[in-house]
Amino acid sequence: GGKIRFACVDGPEFDGHLVNFDEAMKRQQLYKTQEGRAYLKEKEGDTHKGNCELSDGAE
């Protein structure tokens, strides 16, 4: 509810009733483009502070 979580750091198990699937699907689409990743980084800052390998190669 209202928090950004990353499966690679905070998961993989989440309470499915708390997941906003509409927002999750929109975010997934944004990550597909460089422009989308830049938009999310500008909007949310550096929220991904885990040890996920994707955090190093996604930009």
N, C-alpha and C. Protein backbone atom coordinates (compact mmCIF):
# COMPACT_ATOMS: atom_id res chain seq x y z
N GLY A 1 0.75 -1.19 0.00
CA GLY A 1 0.00 0.00 0.00
C GLY A 1 0.80 1.27 0.00
N GLY A 2 1.03 1.85 -1.18
CA GLY A 2 1.63 3.17 -1.29
C GLY A 2 3.14 3.20 -1.28
N LYS A 3 3.80 2.06 -1.20
CA LYS A 3 5.26 2.02 -1.17
C LYS A 3 5.78 1.32 -2.42
N ILE A 4 6.94 1.78 -2.89
CA ILE A 4 7.59 1.12 -4.01
C ILE A 4 8.40 -0.04 -3.45
N ARG A 5 8.20 -1.20 -4.01
CA ARG A 5 8.94 -2.41 -3.60
C ARG A 5 9.58 -3.03 -4.83
N PHE A 6 10.71 -3.69 -4.64
CA PHE A 6 11.40 -4.38 -5.71
C PHE A 6 11.51 -5.85 -5.34
N ALA A 7 11.07 -6.72 -6.23
CA ALA A 7 11.07 -8.15 -5.95
C ALA A 7 12.48 -8.66 -5.68
N CYS A 8 13.48 -8.09 -6.35
CA CYS A 8 14.85 -8.56 -6.18
C CYS A 8 15.43 -8.18 -4.82
N VAL A 9 14.82 -7.22 -4.14
CA VAL A 9 15.32 -6.77 -2.84
C VAL A 9 14.31 -7.09 -1.74
N ASP A 10 13.07 -6.72 -1.96
CA ASP A 10 12.03 -6.83 -0.94
C ASP A 10 11.19 -8.09 -1.06
N GLY A 11 11.34 -8.81 -2.13
CA GLY A 11 10.46 -9.95 -2.40
C GLY A 11 11.16 -11.26 -2.23
N PRO A 12 10.69 -12.24 -2.91
CA PRO A 12 9.71 -12.16 -4.00
C PRO A 12 8.26 -12.23 -3.55
N GLU A 13 8.00 -12.37 -2.28
CA GLU A 13 6.62 -12.54 -1.83
C GLU A 13 6.03 -11.21 -1.38
N PHE A 14 4.85 -10.89 -1.92
CA PHE A 14 4.12 -9.69 -1.56
C PHE A 14 2.67 -10.07 -1.32
N ASP A 15 1.97 -9.27 -0.53
CA ASP A 15 0.53 -9.44 -0.37
C ASP A 15 -0.12 -8.91 -1.64
N GLY A 16 -0.66 -9.80 -2.45
CA GLY A 16 -1.26 -9.43 -3.73
C GLY A 16 -2.40 -8.44 -3.61
N HIS A 17 -3.05 -8.39 -2.48
CA HIS A 17 -4.14 -7.45 -2.28
C HIS A 17 -3.65 -6.01 -2.17
N LEU A 18 -2.37 -5.82 -1.88
CA LEU A 18 -1.81 -4.48 -1.74
C LEU A 18 -1.17 -3.96 -3.02
N VAL A 19 -1.05 -4.82 -4.04
CA VAL A 19 -0.40 -4.43 -5.28
C VAL A 19 -1.38 -3.68 -6.18
N ASN A 20 -0.98 -2.52 -6.67
CA ASN A 20 -1.76 -1.77 -7.64
C ASN A 20 -1.31 -2.25 -9.02
N PHE A 21 -2.02 -3.22 -9.58
CA PHE A 21 -1.59 -3.84 -10.82
C PHE A 21 -1.69 -2.90 -12.01
N ASP A 22 -2.63 -1.96 -12.01
CA ASP A 22 -2.71 -0.98 -13.09
C ASP A 22 -1.43 -0.13 -13.13
N GLU A 23 -1.00 0.33 -11.97
CA GLU A 23 0.24 1.11 -11.90
C GLU A 23 1.45 0.25 -12.26
N ALA A 24 1.47 -0.98 -11.81
CA ALA A 24 2.59 -1.88 -12.11
C ALA A 24 2.73 -2.10 -13.61
N MET A 25 1.63 -2.27 -14.31
CA MET A 25 1.68 -2.48 -15.75
C MET A 25 2.14 -1.21 -16.48
N LYS A 26 1.71 -0.05 -16.03
CA LYS A 26 2.15 1.21 -16.63
C LYS A 26 3.65 1.40 -16.43
N ARG A 27 4.13 1.10 -15.22
CA ARG A 27 5.56 1.22 -14.93
C ARG A 27 6.37 0.26 -15.79
N GLN A 28 5.88 -0.94 -15.97
CA GLN A 28 6.58 -1.93 -16.80
C GLN A 28 6.76 -1.41 -18.22
N GLN A 29 5.74 -0.75 -18.76
CA GLN A 29 5.84 -0.18 -20.10
C GLN A 29 6.89 0.94 -20.14
N LEU A 30 6.96 1.75 -19.10
CA LEU A 30 7.93 2.85 -19.07
C LEU A 30 9.37 2.34 -19.06
N TYR A 31 9.62 1.22 -18.41
CA TYR A 31 10.98 0.70 -18.32
C TYR A 31 11.50 0.17 -19.65
N LYS A 32 10.64 0.03 -20.64
CA LYS A 32 11.07 -0.52 -21.93
C LYS A 32 11.86 0.47 -22.77
N THR A 33 11.77 1.76 -22.48
CA THR A 33 12.49 2.75 -23.27
C THR A 33 13.44 3.55 -22.39
N GLN A 34 14.47 4.08 -23.01
CA GLN A 34 15.42 4.94 -22.30
C GLN A 34 14.71 6.17 -21.76
N GLU A 35 13.78 6.72 -22.57
CA GLU A 35 13.04 7.90 -22.14
C GLU A 35 12.18 7.59 -20.92
N GLY A 36 11.58 6.41 -20.91
CA GLY A 36 10.76 6.01 -19.77
C GLY A 36 11.57 5.84 -18.51
N ARG A 37 12.75 5.23 -18.63
CA ARG A 37 13.62 5.07 -17.47
C ARG A 37 14.08 6.43 -16.94
N ALA A 38 14.40 7.35 -17.86
CA ALA A 38 14.82 8.69 -17.44
C ALA A 38 13.67 9.42 -16.74
N TYR A 39 12.46 9.27 -17.26
CA TYR A 39 11.29 9.90 -16.64
C TYR A 39 11.09 9.39 -15.21
N LEU A 40 11.16 8.08 -15.03
CA LEU A 40 10.97 7.52 -13.70
C LEU A 40 12.07 7.96 -12.74
N LYS A 41 13.30 8.02 -13.23
CA LYS A 41 14.40 8.46 -12.36
C LYS A 41 14.21 9.91 -11.95
N GLU A 42 13.77 10.76 -12.88
CA GLU A 42 13.51 12.17 -12.57
C GLU A 42 12.35 12.30 -11.58
N LYS A 43 11.30 11.53 -11.79
CA LYS A 43 10.09 11.63 -10.97
C LYS A 43 10.31 11.07 -9.57
N GLU A 44 11.01 9.94 -9.47
CA GLU A 44 11.10 9.22 -8.20
C GLU A 44 12.47 9.27 -7.55
N GLY A 45 13.47 9.73 -8.26
CA GLY A 45 14.81 9.75 -7.70
C GLY A 45 15.41 8.35 -7.70
N ASP A 46 16.38 8.14 -6.87
CA ASP A 46 17.08 6.86 -6.80
C ASP A 46 16.43 5.99 -5.73
N THR A 47 15.27 5.41 -6.05
CA THR A 47 14.55 4.60 -5.07
C THR A 47 15.06 3.17 -5.00
N HIS A 48 15.80 2.74 -6.02
CA HIS A 48 16.25 1.35 -6.06
C HIS A 48 17.65 1.27 -5.48
N LYS A 49 17.75 0.94 -4.21
CA LYS A 49 19.04 0.93 -3.52
C LYS A 49 19.50 -0.49 -3.17
N GLY A 50 18.91 -1.47 -3.82
CA GLY A 50 19.25 -2.85 -3.52
C GLY A 50 20.46 -3.33 -4.28
N ASN A 51 20.74 -4.60 -4.17
CA ASN A 51 21.87 -5.20 -4.84
C ASN A 51 21.46 -5.92 -6.11
N CYS A 52 20.39 -5.49 -6.71
CA CYS A 52 19.88 -6.12 -7.92
C CYS A 52 20.82 -5.82 -9.09
N GLU A 53 21.14 -6.81 -9.89
CA GLU A 53 22.02 -6.61 -11.03
C GLU A 53 21.41 -5.67 -12.05
N LEU A 54 20.09 -5.57 -12.11
CA LEU A 54 19.45 -4.69 -13.08
C LEU A 54 19.73 -3.23 -12.80
N SER A 55 20.01 -2.87 -11.57
CA SER A 55 20.24 -1.46 -11.24
C SER A 55 21.52 -0.94 -11.88
N ASP A 56 22.47 -1.81 -12.19
CA ASP A 56 23.72 -1.37 -12.80
C ASP A 56 23.63 -1.28 -14.32
N GLY A 57 22.83 -2.13 -14.96
CA GLY A 57 22.82 -2.18 -16.41
C GLY A 57 21.60 -1.60 -17.07
N ALA A 58 20.67 -1.06 -16.32
CA ALA A 58 19.42 -0.60 -16.92
C ALA A 58 19.51 0.79 -17.51
N GLU A 59 20.57 1.52 -17.26
CA GLU A 59 20.63 2.89 -17.76
C GLU A 59 21.56 3.02 -18.92
